[in-house]
Structures are given as C-alpha cells and as structure tokens.
C-alpha cells in the first residue's frame, strides 16, 4: 500500500498513516512518501511494535511500516504531543516543549520566535518544527541559540 502525504501539515499525515495501518494484515507494508522525516510518528510506531524503516530519496522521505505479529493498533491519539519530555535538545519539537513547559513560550518569544505569540501559529507551526529548525527559520546566531538553550534547560530544574 502506498500513501503520499507530501504537502500536508501535521496532524494530517499521522492520521492518514494510522488509518492506513488499520487496513494492513500481518506481514504487509505501508510505504509513505513525505516531505518531512516523520519524527513525530516514528517513536509511536516503533513503540506499538511495527517494523519501521526510513530513507531519504530525491529530497523526500520514504517511510516503510510493516505490521508484525506483535503490532498493536494505534489510536488517533498519535496527533497529540506527549507531555513527557525527557530532555530539551536542539531536536526537541517546539509543540512538545510548549506543552511540557508552558513558561518556555516567554523564552522563545524573547529570542525572536514572535510568531508563537499567535495561538493559531502555536498550534500549527510549533507542531512541525524543532528548536534547531526554528533557529534556521529566523537565522539566529549560534551564540544566541546557546543562550536560549541554556535558559530552556534551566526550566527543568525544580
């Protein structure tokens, strides 16, 4: 089965993947073509027992998901960000950060991520970008990024 999610915004690709996986029999594979690397859905697929492979080809990402005997059905809850955040790194999804640490919004805005002040942008843009991606988006210097990361990591301390 082939699924093309190029050009779609979160959570649409995850919802389409979950819906398609429900139609697979054990041993069958779903191939998904996307323009983003599927970072939000990968851990959930692996955690549910699916065999997962991802490759980059011609500027796109191809996700191969095979249903195994130990695969569990996934619910539509995949679209929601997990509130637990083990560590804040440059690869941290901005929506996960904001959900786990609502006070991080002030820090992000202070360092130039002003679109996040808009609730609609927070719901859409934040789901699709990591801190490193946001840094590139606003062309933030490495020095400023290190300062911001230090402030964000300080939030974890009681």
N, C-alpha and C. Protein backbone atom coordinates (compact mmCIF):
# COMPACT_ATOMS: atom_id res chain seq x y z
N UNK A 1 0.85 -1.17 0.00
CA UNK A 1 0.00 0.00 0.00
C UNK A 1 0.90 1.23 0.00
N UNK A 2 0.55 2.23 -0.80
CA UNK A 2 1.34 3.46 -0.91
C UNK A 2 0.49 4.65 -0.49
N UNK A 3 1.11 5.54 0.28
CA UNK A 3 0.42 6.73 0.78
C UNK A 3 1.33 7.93 0.53
N UNK A 4 0.79 8.98 -0.07
CA UNK A 4 1.57 10.19 -0.36
C UNK A 4 1.04 11.32 0.52
N UNK A 5 1.88 11.78 1.47
CA UNK A 5 1.46 12.85 2.38
C UNK A 5 2.26 14.13 2.15
N UNK A 6 2.91 14.24 0.99
CA UNK A 6 3.68 15.45 0.68
C UNK A 6 2.75 16.65 0.64
N UNK A 7 3.22 17.75 1.22
CA UNK A 7 2.45 18.99 1.20
C UNK A 7 1.42 19.10 2.30
N UNK A 8 1.21 18.05 3.07
CA UNK A 8 0.22 18.09 4.15
C UNK A 8 0.88 18.55 5.44
N UNK A 9 0.10 19.20 6.29
CA UNK A 9 0.61 19.66 7.58
C UNK A 9 0.11 18.78 8.70
N UNK A 10 0.89 18.73 9.77
CA UNK A 10 0.50 17.95 10.96
C UNK A 10 -0.84 18.47 11.46
N UNK A 11 -1.68 17.60 11.95
CA UNK A 11 -1.51 16.17 12.19
C UNK A 11 -2.00 15.28 11.03
N UNK A 12 -2.31 15.85 9.88
CA UNK A 12 -2.88 15.07 8.78
C UNK A 12 -2.07 13.83 8.40
N UNK A 13 -0.74 13.94 8.19
CA UNK A 13 0.00 12.73 7.82
C UNK A 13 -0.12 11.62 8.85
N UNK A 14 0.00 11.96 10.13
CA UNK A 14 -0.09 10.95 11.19
C UNK A 14 -1.47 10.28 11.18
N UNK A 15 -2.51 11.06 11.00
CA UNK A 15 -3.86 10.50 10.98
C UNK A 15 -4.04 9.57 9.78
N UNK A 16 -3.50 9.96 8.62
CA UNK A 16 -3.62 9.13 7.43
C UNK A 16 -2.82 7.83 7.58
N UNK A 17 -1.66 7.92 8.21
CA UNK A 17 -0.84 6.73 8.46
C UNK A 17 -1.58 5.76 9.37
N UNK A 18 -2.13 6.27 10.46
CA UNK A 18 -2.84 5.42 11.41
C UNK A 18 -4.03 4.74 10.74
N UNK A 19 -4.77 5.52 9.98
CA UNK A 19 -5.94 4.96 9.28
C UNK A 19 -5.51 3.84 8.32
N UNK A 20 -4.44 4.06 7.58
CA UNK A 20 -3.97 3.06 6.62
C UNK A 20 -3.42 1.82 7.32
N UNK A 21 -2.75 2.00 8.45
CA UNK A 21 -2.21 0.85 9.18
C UNK A 21 -3.31 -0.07 9.66
N UNK A 22 -4.47 0.50 9.97
CA UNK A 22 -5.60 -0.31 10.41
C UNK A 22 -6.08 -1.28 9.34
N UNK A 23 -5.73 -1.03 8.09
CA UNK A 23 -6.16 -1.89 6.98
C UNK A 23 -5.14 -2.98 6.65
N UNK A 24 -3.94 -2.90 7.25
CA UNK A 24 -2.88 -3.86 6.95
C UNK A 24 -3.08 -5.18 7.67
N UNK A 25 -2.67 -6.25 7.00
CA UNK A 25 -2.61 -7.57 7.61
C UNK A 25 -1.17 -7.78 8.08
N UNK A 26 -0.97 -8.71 9.02
CA UNK A 26 0.38 -9.03 9.49
C UNK A 26 1.27 -9.38 8.30
N UNK A 27 2.45 -8.76 8.26
CA UNK A 27 3.41 -9.00 7.19
C UNK A 27 3.30 -8.01 6.04
N UNK A 28 2.22 -7.26 5.97
CA UNK A 28 2.06 -6.27 4.90
C UNK A 28 2.77 -4.97 5.27
N UNK A 29 3.15 -4.22 4.24
CA UNK A 29 3.91 -2.98 4.43
C UNK A 29 3.17 -1.79 3.84
N UNK A 30 3.22 -0.70 4.57
CA UNK A 30 2.71 0.59 4.11
C UNK A 30 3.92 1.45 3.77
N UNK A 31 3.95 2.00 2.56
CA UNK A 31 5.01 2.93 2.19
C UNK A 31 4.40 4.33 2.15
N UNK A 32 5.06 5.26 2.83
CA UNK A 32 4.56 6.63 2.93
C UNK A 32 5.62 7.57 2.38
N UNK A 33 5.24 8.42 1.44
CA UNK A 33 6.15 9.42 0.89
C UNK A 33 5.78 10.77 1.50
N UNK A 34 6.77 11.44 2.05
CA UNK A 34 6.52 12.73 2.67
C UNK A 34 7.67 13.68 2.45
N UNK A 35 7.43 14.97 2.74
CA UNK A 35 8.50 15.95 2.59
C UNK A 35 9.15 16.29 3.92
N UNK A 36 8.71 15.62 4.99
CA UNK A 36 9.32 15.79 6.31
C UNK A 36 9.71 14.40 6.82
N UNK A 37 10.65 14.31 7.76
CA UNK A 37 11.18 13.00 8.16
C UNK A 37 10.34 12.17 9.14
N UNK A 38 9.08 12.49 9.36
CA UNK A 38 8.18 11.67 10.19
C UNK A 38 8.63 11.52 11.64
N UNK A 39 9.33 12.53 12.19
CA UNK A 39 9.87 12.41 13.54
C UNK A 39 8.80 12.28 14.62
N UNK A 40 7.62 12.84 14.41
CA UNK A 40 6.59 12.78 15.43
C UNK A 40 5.97 11.39 15.56
N UNK A 41 5.85 10.69 14.45
CA UNK A 41 5.12 9.42 14.46
C UNK A 41 6.05 8.20 14.62
N UNK A 42 7.33 8.34 14.30
CA UNK A 42 8.26 7.21 14.38
C UNK A 42 8.29 6.52 15.74
N UNK A 43 8.49 7.26 16.85
CA UNK A 43 8.56 6.59 18.15
C UNK A 43 7.27 5.84 18.49
N UNK A 44 6.14 6.39 18.09
CA UNK A 44 4.86 5.76 18.39
C UNK A 44 4.70 4.46 17.59
N UNK A 45 5.13 4.47 16.34
CA UNK A 45 5.05 3.27 15.51
C UNK A 45 5.95 2.17 16.07
N UNK A 46 7.19 2.55 16.41
CA UNK A 46 8.12 1.57 16.96
C UNK A 46 7.63 1.05 18.29
N UNK A 47 7.09 1.94 19.13
CA UNK A 47 6.57 1.54 20.43
C UNK A 47 5.37 0.60 20.33
N UNK A 48 4.65 0.69 19.22
CA UNK A 48 3.48 -0.16 19.01
C UNK A 48 3.86 -1.48 18.31
N UNK A 49 5.16 -1.70 18.11
CA UNK A 49 5.60 -2.98 17.57
C UNK A 49 5.68 -3.08 16.06
N UNK A 50 5.57 -1.97 15.35
CA UNK A 50 5.70 -2.01 13.89
C UNK A 50 7.18 -1.98 13.51
N UNK A 51 7.54 -2.65 12.42
CA UNK A 51 8.89 -2.56 11.88
C UNK A 51 8.93 -1.31 11.02
N UNK A 52 9.88 -0.43 11.30
CA UNK A 52 9.92 0.88 10.65
C UNK A 52 11.27 1.11 9.98
N UNK A 53 11.24 1.57 8.74
CA UNK A 53 12.45 1.98 8.02
C UNK A 53 12.16 3.34 7.41
N UNK A 54 13.18 4.19 7.38
CA UNK A 54 13.01 5.49 6.74
C UNK A 54 14.25 5.78 5.88
N UNK A 55 13.99 6.28 4.69
CA UNK A 55 15.08 6.62 3.77
C UNK A 55 14.77 7.97 3.14
N UNK A 56 15.84 8.69 2.82
CA UNK A 56 15.68 9.95 2.10
C UNK A 56 16.01 9.69 0.65
N UNK A 57 15.15 10.15 -0.24
CA UNK A 57 15.37 9.94 -1.67
C UNK A 57 14.86 11.14 -2.45
N UNK A 58 15.70 11.72 -3.25
CA UNK A 58 15.33 12.84 -4.14
C UNK A 58 14.64 13.98 -3.40
N UNK A 59 15.10 14.29 -2.19
CA UNK A 59 14.53 15.40 -1.43
C UNK A 59 13.27 15.06 -0.67
N UNK A 60 12.84 13.81 -0.74
CA UNK A 60 11.66 13.36 0.00
C UNK A 60 12.06 12.28 0.98
N UNK A 61 11.14 11.93 1.87
CA UNK A 61 11.37 10.85 2.82
C UNK A 61 10.40 9.72 2.52
N UNK A 62 10.91 8.50 2.57
CA UNK A 62 10.06 7.33 2.35
C UNK A 62 10.07 6.53 3.65
N UNK A 63 8.90 6.39 4.22
CA UNK A 63 8.71 5.64 5.46
C UNK A 63 8.07 4.31 5.10
N UNK A 64 8.71 3.22 5.51
CA UNK A 64 8.15 1.87 5.29
C UNK A 64 7.76 1.32 6.65
N UNK A 65 6.48 0.99 6.81
CA UNK A 65 5.97 0.47 8.07
C UNK A 65 5.38 -0.90 7.80
N UNK A 66 5.94 -1.92 8.46
CA UNK A 66 5.46 -3.28 8.28
C UNK A 66 4.76 -3.74 9.55
N UNK A 67 3.57 -4.30 9.38
CA UNK A 67 2.80 -4.81 10.51
C UNK A 67 3.36 -6.18 10.89
N UNK A 68 3.74 -6.33 12.15
CA UNK A 68 4.28 -7.59 12.65
C UNK A 68 3.23 -8.28 13.51
N UNK A 69 3.53 -9.49 13.94
CA UNK A 69 2.59 -10.20 14.81
C UNK A 69 2.41 -9.48 16.14
N UNK A 70 3.44 -8.75 16.56
CA UNK A 70 3.35 -8.05 17.85
C UNK A 70 2.83 -6.62 17.72
N UNK A 71 2.50 -6.17 16.50
CA UNK A 71 1.99 -4.81 16.31
C UNK A 71 0.66 -4.61 17.02
N UNK A 72 0.55 -3.47 17.69
CA UNK A 72 -0.70 -3.11 18.36
C UNK A 72 -1.40 -2.05 17.52
N UNK A 73 -2.70 -2.01 17.61
CA UNK A 73 -3.46 -0.98 16.89
C UNK A 73 -3.14 0.38 17.51
N UNK A 74 -3.00 1.37 16.67
CA UNK A 74 -2.77 2.74 17.13
C UNK A 74 -4.08 3.50 17.09
N UNK A 75 -4.25 4.39 18.04
CA UNK A 75 -5.45 5.22 18.03
C UNK A 75 -5.11 6.58 17.45
N UNK A 76 -6.11 7.39 17.24
CA UNK A 76 -5.92 8.72 16.68
C UNK A 76 -5.17 9.63 17.65
N UNK A 77 -4.89 9.17 18.85
CA UNK A 77 -4.20 10.00 19.84
C UNK A 77 -2.79 10.35 19.42
N UNK A 78 -2.25 9.69 18.40
CA UNK A 78 -0.90 9.98 17.93
C UNK A 78 -0.73 11.45 17.60
N UNK A 79 -1.81 12.12 17.19
CA UNK A 79 -1.68 13.52 16.79
C UNK A 79 -1.36 14.44 17.96
N UNK A 80 -1.62 14.00 19.16
CA UNK A 80 -1.34 14.83 20.32
C UNK A 80 0.11 14.70 20.75
N UNK A 81 0.69 15.76 21.22
CA UNK A 81 2.06 15.72 21.69
C UNK A 81 2.11 15.07 23.07
N UNK A 82 3.13 14.28 23.27
CA UNK A 82 3.35 13.63 24.56
C UNK A 82 3.82 14.70 25.54
N UNK A 83 3.20 14.76 26.71
CA UNK A 83 3.57 15.80 27.66
C UNK A 83 4.92 15.54 28.31
N UNK A 84 5.34 14.28 28.34
CA UNK A 84 6.62 13.97 28.94
C UNK A 84 7.73 14.40 27.99
N UNK A 85 8.73 15.02 28.56
CA UNK A 85 9.85 15.47 27.76
C UNK A 85 11.09 15.14 28.58
N UNK A 86 11.79 14.09 28.14
CA UNK A 86 12.93 13.60 28.90
C UNK A 86 14.07 14.62 28.95
N UNK A 87 14.31 15.29 27.84
CA UNK A 87 15.46 16.18 27.73
C UNK A 87 15.16 17.26 26.69
N UNK A 88 15.64 18.45 26.92
CA UNK A 88 15.48 19.53 25.95
C UNK A 88 16.77 19.59 25.13
N UNK A 89 16.64 19.31 23.82
CA UNK A 89 17.79 19.35 22.91
C UNK A 89 17.42 20.19 21.70
N UNK A 90 18.36 20.38 20.79
CA UNK A 90 18.07 21.14 19.58
C UNK A 90 17.06 20.41 18.70
N UNK A 91 16.89 19.10 18.90
CA UNK A 91 15.93 18.32 18.13
C UNK A 91 14.56 18.22 18.81
N UNK A 92 14.37 18.92 19.91
CA UNK A 92 13.08 18.92 20.60
C UNK A 92 12.02 19.62 19.76
N UNK A 93 10.88 18.98 19.61
CA UNK A 93 9.75 19.56 18.90
C UNK A 93 9.22 20.74 19.73
N UNK A 94 8.97 21.86 19.09
CA UNK A 94 8.55 23.08 19.80
C UNK A 94 7.20 22.88 20.49
N UNK A 95 6.27 22.17 19.85
CA UNK A 95 4.96 21.95 20.49
C UNK A 95 5.10 21.11 21.75
N UNK A 96 5.96 20.10 21.71
CA UNK A 96 6.19 19.27 22.91
C UNK A 96 6.79 20.10 24.02
N UNK A 97 7.73 20.96 23.67
CA UNK A 97 8.36 21.83 24.65
C UNK A 97 7.31 22.74 25.30
N UNK A 98 6.49 23.37 24.47
CA UNK A 98 5.47 24.29 24.99
C UNK A 98 4.45 23.57 25.86
N UNK A 99 4.12 22.34 25.50
CA UNK A 99 3.14 21.60 26.29
C UNK A 99 3.73 21.16 27.63
N UNK A 100 4.99 20.72 27.60
CA UNK A 100 5.65 20.26 28.83
C UNK A 100 6.02 21.44 29.74
N UNK A 101 6.42 22.56 29.12
CA UNK A 101 6.87 23.74 29.87
C UNK A 101 6.22 24.98 29.28
N UNK A 102 4.98 25.29 29.67
CA UNK A 102 4.29 26.45 29.11
C UNK A 102 5.08 27.75 29.27
N UNK A 103 5.88 27.83 30.32
CA UNK A 103 6.67 29.04 30.56
C UNK A 103 7.79 29.22 29.52
N UNK A 104 8.07 28.18 28.73
CA UNK A 104 9.10 28.29 27.69
C UNK A 104 8.68 29.26 26.59
N UNK A 105 7.39 29.53 26.46
CA UNK A 105 6.90 30.46 25.44
C UNK A 105 7.56 31.83 25.58
N UNK A 106 7.65 32.33 26.81
CA UNK A 106 8.26 33.64 27.04
C UNK A 106 9.72 33.66 26.58
N UNK A 107 10.43 32.57 26.84
CA UNK A 107 11.84 32.50 26.44
C UNK A 107 11.95 32.47 24.92
N UNK A 108 11.14 31.65 24.27
CA UNK A 108 11.19 31.55 22.81
C UNK A 108 10.87 32.89 22.15
N UNK A 109 9.84 33.56 22.65
CA UNK A 109 9.45 34.87 22.09
C UNK A 109 10.57 35.89 22.31
N UNK A 110 11.16 35.86 23.49
CA UNK A 110 12.26 36.78 23.82
C UNK A 110 13.42 36.64 22.83
N UNK A 111 13.66 35.42 22.35
CA UNK A 111 14.76 35.18 21.42
C UNK A 111 14.35 35.29 19.95
N UNK A 112 13.16 35.82 19.70
CA UNK A 112 12.80 36.12 18.32
C UNK A 112 11.75 35.23 17.67
N UNK A 113 11.23 34.27 18.41
CA UNK A 113 10.19 33.40 17.84
C UNK A 113 8.82 34.02 18.08
N UNK A 114 8.67 35.27 17.63
CA UNK A 114 7.44 36.02 17.88
C UNK A 114 6.18 35.42 17.24
N UNK A 115 6.27 34.66 16.13
CA UNK A 115 5.03 34.06 15.61
C UNK A 115 4.32 33.16 16.64
N UNK A 116 5.08 32.65 17.60
CA UNK A 116 4.48 31.77 18.61
C UNK A 116 3.55 32.52 19.56
N UNK A 117 3.60 33.86 19.54
CA UNK A 117 2.68 34.63 20.37
C UNK A 117 1.24 34.45 19.88
N UNK A 118 1.09 34.17 18.60
CA UNK A 118 -0.22 33.97 18.00
C UNK A 118 -0.67 32.52 18.27
N UNK A 119 -1.82 32.32 18.95
CA UNK A 119 -2.27 30.97 19.30
C UNK A 119 -2.44 30.04 18.08
N UNK A 120 -2.86 30.58 16.96
CA UNK A 120 -3.03 29.75 15.76
C UNK A 120 -1.67 29.26 15.26
N UNK A 121 -0.70 30.15 15.25
CA UNK A 121 0.65 29.76 14.83
C UNK A 121 1.26 28.75 15.80
N UNK A 122 0.96 28.91 17.08
CA UNK A 122 1.46 27.95 18.08
C UNK A 122 0.93 26.57 17.77
N UNK A 123 -0.34 26.48 17.39
CA UNK A 123 -0.95 25.18 17.13
C UNK A 123 -0.47 24.56 15.82
N UNK A 124 -0.13 25.38 14.84
CA UNK A 124 0.26 24.82 13.54
C UNK A 124 1.77 24.74 13.38
N UNK A 125 2.45 25.86 13.43
CA UNK A 125 3.89 25.90 13.21
C UNK A 125 4.65 25.08 14.26
N UNK A 126 4.29 25.23 15.52
CA UNK A 126 5.03 24.56 16.59
C UNK A 126 5.04 23.05 16.45
N UNK A 127 3.97 22.48 15.90
CA UNK A 127 3.91 21.02 15.75
C UNK A 127 4.88 20.49 14.72
N UNK A 128 5.27 21.33 13.78
CA UNK A 128 6.04 20.85 12.63
C UNK A 128 7.51 21.23 12.69
N UNK A 129 7.97 21.83 13.79
CA UNK A 129 9.34 22.35 13.79
C UNK A 129 10.07 22.01 15.09
N UNK A 130 11.36 21.77 14.96
CA UNK A 130 12.22 21.56 16.12
C UNK A 130 12.87 22.88 16.50
N UNK A 131 13.52 22.90 17.65
CA UNK A 131 14.24 24.12 18.04
C UNK A 131 15.32 24.46 17.02
N UNK A 132 16.02 23.45 16.52
CA UNK A 132 17.06 23.68 15.52
C UNK A 132 16.45 24.24 14.23
N UNK A 133 15.30 23.72 13.83
CA UNK A 133 14.61 24.21 12.63
C UNK A 133 14.14 25.64 12.82
N UNK A 134 13.67 25.95 14.01
CA UNK A 134 13.23 27.32 14.31
C UNK A 134 14.42 28.28 14.27
N UNK A 135 15.55 27.82 14.76
CA UNK A 135 16.78 28.63 14.72
C UNK A 135 17.12 29.01 13.28
N UNK A 136 17.05 28.02 12.39
CA UNK A 136 17.35 28.27 10.98
C UNK A 136 16.30 29.20 10.36
N UNK A 137 15.05 29.01 10.75
CA UNK A 137 13.96 29.79 10.19
C UNK A 137 14.15 31.29 10.42
N UNK A 138 14.63 31.66 11.61
CA UNK A 138 14.81 33.09 11.89
C UNK A 138 16.28 33.51 11.78
N UNK A 139 17.13 32.60 11.32
CA UNK A 139 18.55 32.89 11.12
C UNK A 139 19.21 33.39 12.41
N UNK A 140 18.97 32.66 13.50
CA UNK A 140 19.54 33.01 14.80
C UNK A 140 21.02 32.62 14.85
N UNK A 141 21.83 33.43 15.49
CA UNK A 141 23.26 33.12 15.63
C UNK A 141 23.43 31.93 16.58
N UNK A 142 24.56 31.23 16.41
CA UNK A 142 24.86 30.08 17.28
C UNK A 142 24.96 30.52 18.74
N UNK A 143 25.54 31.70 18.96
CA UNK A 143 25.71 32.20 20.32
C UNK A 143 24.35 32.44 21.00
N UNK A 144 23.44 33.11 20.29
CA UNK A 144 22.10 33.37 20.83
C UNK A 144 21.36 32.05 21.08
N UNK A 145 21.54 31.10 20.16
CA UNK A 145 20.88 29.80 20.29
C UNK A 145 21.38 29.08 21.56
N UNK A 146 22.69 29.13 21.81
CA UNK A 146 23.24 28.51 23.03
C UNK A 146 22.67 29.16 24.28
N UNK A 147 22.56 30.50 24.27
CA UNK A 147 21.97 31.22 25.41
C UNK A 147 20.53 30.78 25.64
N UNK A 148 19.76 30.71 24.56
CA UNK A 148 18.36 30.31 24.67
C UNK A 148 18.24 28.87 25.18
N UNK A 149 19.07 27.98 24.65
CA UNK A 149 19.03 26.58 25.09
C UNK A 149 19.35 26.47 26.58
N UNK A 150 20.31 27.26 27.05
CA UNK A 150 20.66 27.24 28.48
C UNK A 150 19.46 27.68 29.32
N UNK A 151 18.75 28.70 28.88
CA UNK A 151 17.56 29.16 29.61
C UNK A 151 16.47 28.10 29.61
N UNK A 152 16.28 27.46 28.46
CA UNK A 152 15.24 26.42 28.36
C UNK A 152 15.58 25.23 29.25
N UNK A 153 16.83 24.83 29.25
CA UNK A 153 17.24 23.68 30.06
C UNK A 153 17.11 24.00 31.55
N UNK A 154 17.27 25.27 31.91
CA UNK A 154 17.14 25.68 33.31
C UNK A 154 15.70 25.49 33.80
N UNK A 155 14.74 25.45 32.89
CA UNK A 155 13.33 25.26 33.28
C UNK A 155 13.13 23.90 33.92
N UNK A 156 13.95 22.94 33.58
CA UNK A 156 13.79 21.58 34.07
C UNK A 156 14.15 21.47 35.55
N UNK A 157 14.94 22.41 36.03
CA UNK A 157 15.37 22.33 37.42
C UNK A 157 14.27 22.83 38.33
N UNK A 158 14.02 22.08 39.40
CA UNK A 158 12.93 22.48 40.33
C UNK A 158 13.19 23.79 41.03
